[in-house]
Amino acid sequence: MQCGFCTPGMVMTAAALLKENPKPSEAQVRAYLEGNICRCTGYHNIVKAILAASGQDVAPSRRNNQRGFFGRRRSE
């Protein structure tokens, strides 16, 4: 988290998702978060946090990930 502007929306969305689906896949988390805009991060850690909150194992960070939030390659 950086500026915190998106945090309330992310938290409320994550809570609603986990209430509806206690063990979502990464793709389901990303789809659920589509309407929340964060200008500071690449969403990867937010997705990991939601998966961890659901009790699932979370893969280590991919520091050099060249794909954006929706799996599209980032332009350089």
Protein backbone atom coordinates (compact mmCIF):
# COMPACT_ATOMS: atom_id res chain seq x y z
CA MET A 1 0.00 0.00 0.00
CA GLN A 2 1.22 3.47 -0.76
CA CYS A 3 -1.23 6.39 -0.68
CA GLY A 4 -4.22 4.52 0.82
CA PHE A 5 -6.83 6.16 -1.40
CA CYS A 6 -8.07 2.82 -2.79
CA THR A 7 -7.82 0.90 0.49
CA PRO A 8 -11.45 1.25 1.68
CA GLY A 9 -12.79 0.00 -1.65
CA MET A 10 -10.28 -2.85 -1.79
CA VAL A 11 -11.12 -3.95 1.78
CA MET A 12 -14.88 -3.84 1.22
CA THR A 13 -14.57 -5.67 -2.10
CA ALA A 14 -12.29 -8.30 -0.59
CA ALA A 15 -14.71 -8.83 2.32
CA ALA A 16 -17.65 -9.25 -0.06
CA LEU A 17 -15.70 -11.67 -2.25
CA LEU A 18 -14.58 -13.83 0.67
CA LYS A 19 -18.12 -13.88 2.08
CA GLU A 20 -19.45 -15.06 -1.29
CA ASN A 21 -16.51 -17.34 -2.14
CA PRO A 22 -14.27 -18.33 0.80
CA LYS A 23 -11.57 -19.89 -1.43
CA PRO A 24 -11.36 -17.82 -4.64
CA SER A 25 -8.77 -18.44 -7.33
CA GLU A 26 -6.35 -15.71 -8.32
CA ALA A 27 -8.37 -15.11 -11.49
CA GLN A 28 -11.57 -14.73 -9.45
CA VAL A 29 -9.91 -12.22 -7.12
CA ARG A 30 -8.65 -10.17 -10.07
CA ALA A 31 -12.07 -10.24 -11.73
CA TYR A 32 -13.75 -9.12 -8.50
CA LEU A 33 -11.32 -6.21 -8.09
CA GLU A 34 -11.73 -4.90 -11.65
CA GLY A 35 -13.82 -1.91 -10.60
CA ASN A 36 -11.30 -0.69 -8.00
CA ILE A 37 -8.69 1.63 -9.39
CA CYS A 38 -5.30 1.95 -7.70
CA ARG A 39 -2.79 4.29 -9.26
CA CYS A 40 0.10 3.34 -6.98
CA THR A 41 0.54 -0.43 -7.24
CA GLY A 42 0.39 -3.25 -9.71
CA TYR A 43 -2.28 -5.03 -7.60
CA HIS A 44 -0.11 -8.11 -7.18
CA ASN A 45 0.33 -7.71 -3.41
CA ILE A 46 -3.35 -6.87 -2.97
CA VAL A 47 -4.32 -10.09 -4.75
CA LYS A 48 -1.78 -12.04 -2.66
CA ALA A 49 -3.19 -10.54 0.54
CA ILE A 50 -6.74 -11.58 -0.36
CA LEU A 51 -5.59 -15.11 -1.19
CA ALA A 52 -3.68 -15.26 2.11
CA ALA A 53 -6.75 -14.00 3.98
CA SER A 54 -8.69 -16.90 2.49
CA GLY A 55 -6.18 -19.31 4.06
CA GLN A 56 -4.56 -20.32 0.80
CA ASP A 57 -0.84 -20.71 0.19
CA VAL A 58 0.55 -17.72 -1.65
CA ALA A 59 3.41 -18.02 -4.14
CA PRO A 60 6.45 -15.80 -3.61
CA SER A 61 6.52 -12.47 -5.43
CA ARG A 62 7.59 -12.37 -9.05
CA ARG A 63 9.76 -9.26 -8.88
CA ASN A 64 10.27 -8.94 -12.62
CA ASN A 65 6.71 -9.65 -13.67
CA GLN A 66 6.14 -7.94 -17.01
CA ARG A 67 2.40 -8.42 -17.05
CA GLY A 68 -0.12 -5.91 -15.76
CA PHE A 69 -3.14 -6.43 -13.55
CA PHE A 70 -5.28 -8.14 -16.18
CA GLY A 71 -2.46 -10.33 -17.54
CA ARG A 72 -1.65 -8.05 -20.45
CA ARG A 73 1.95 -7.30 -21.24
CA ARG A 74 3.00 -3.88 -20.01
CA SER A 75 4.19 -1.48 -22.65
CA GLU A 76 7.67 -0.10 -22.18
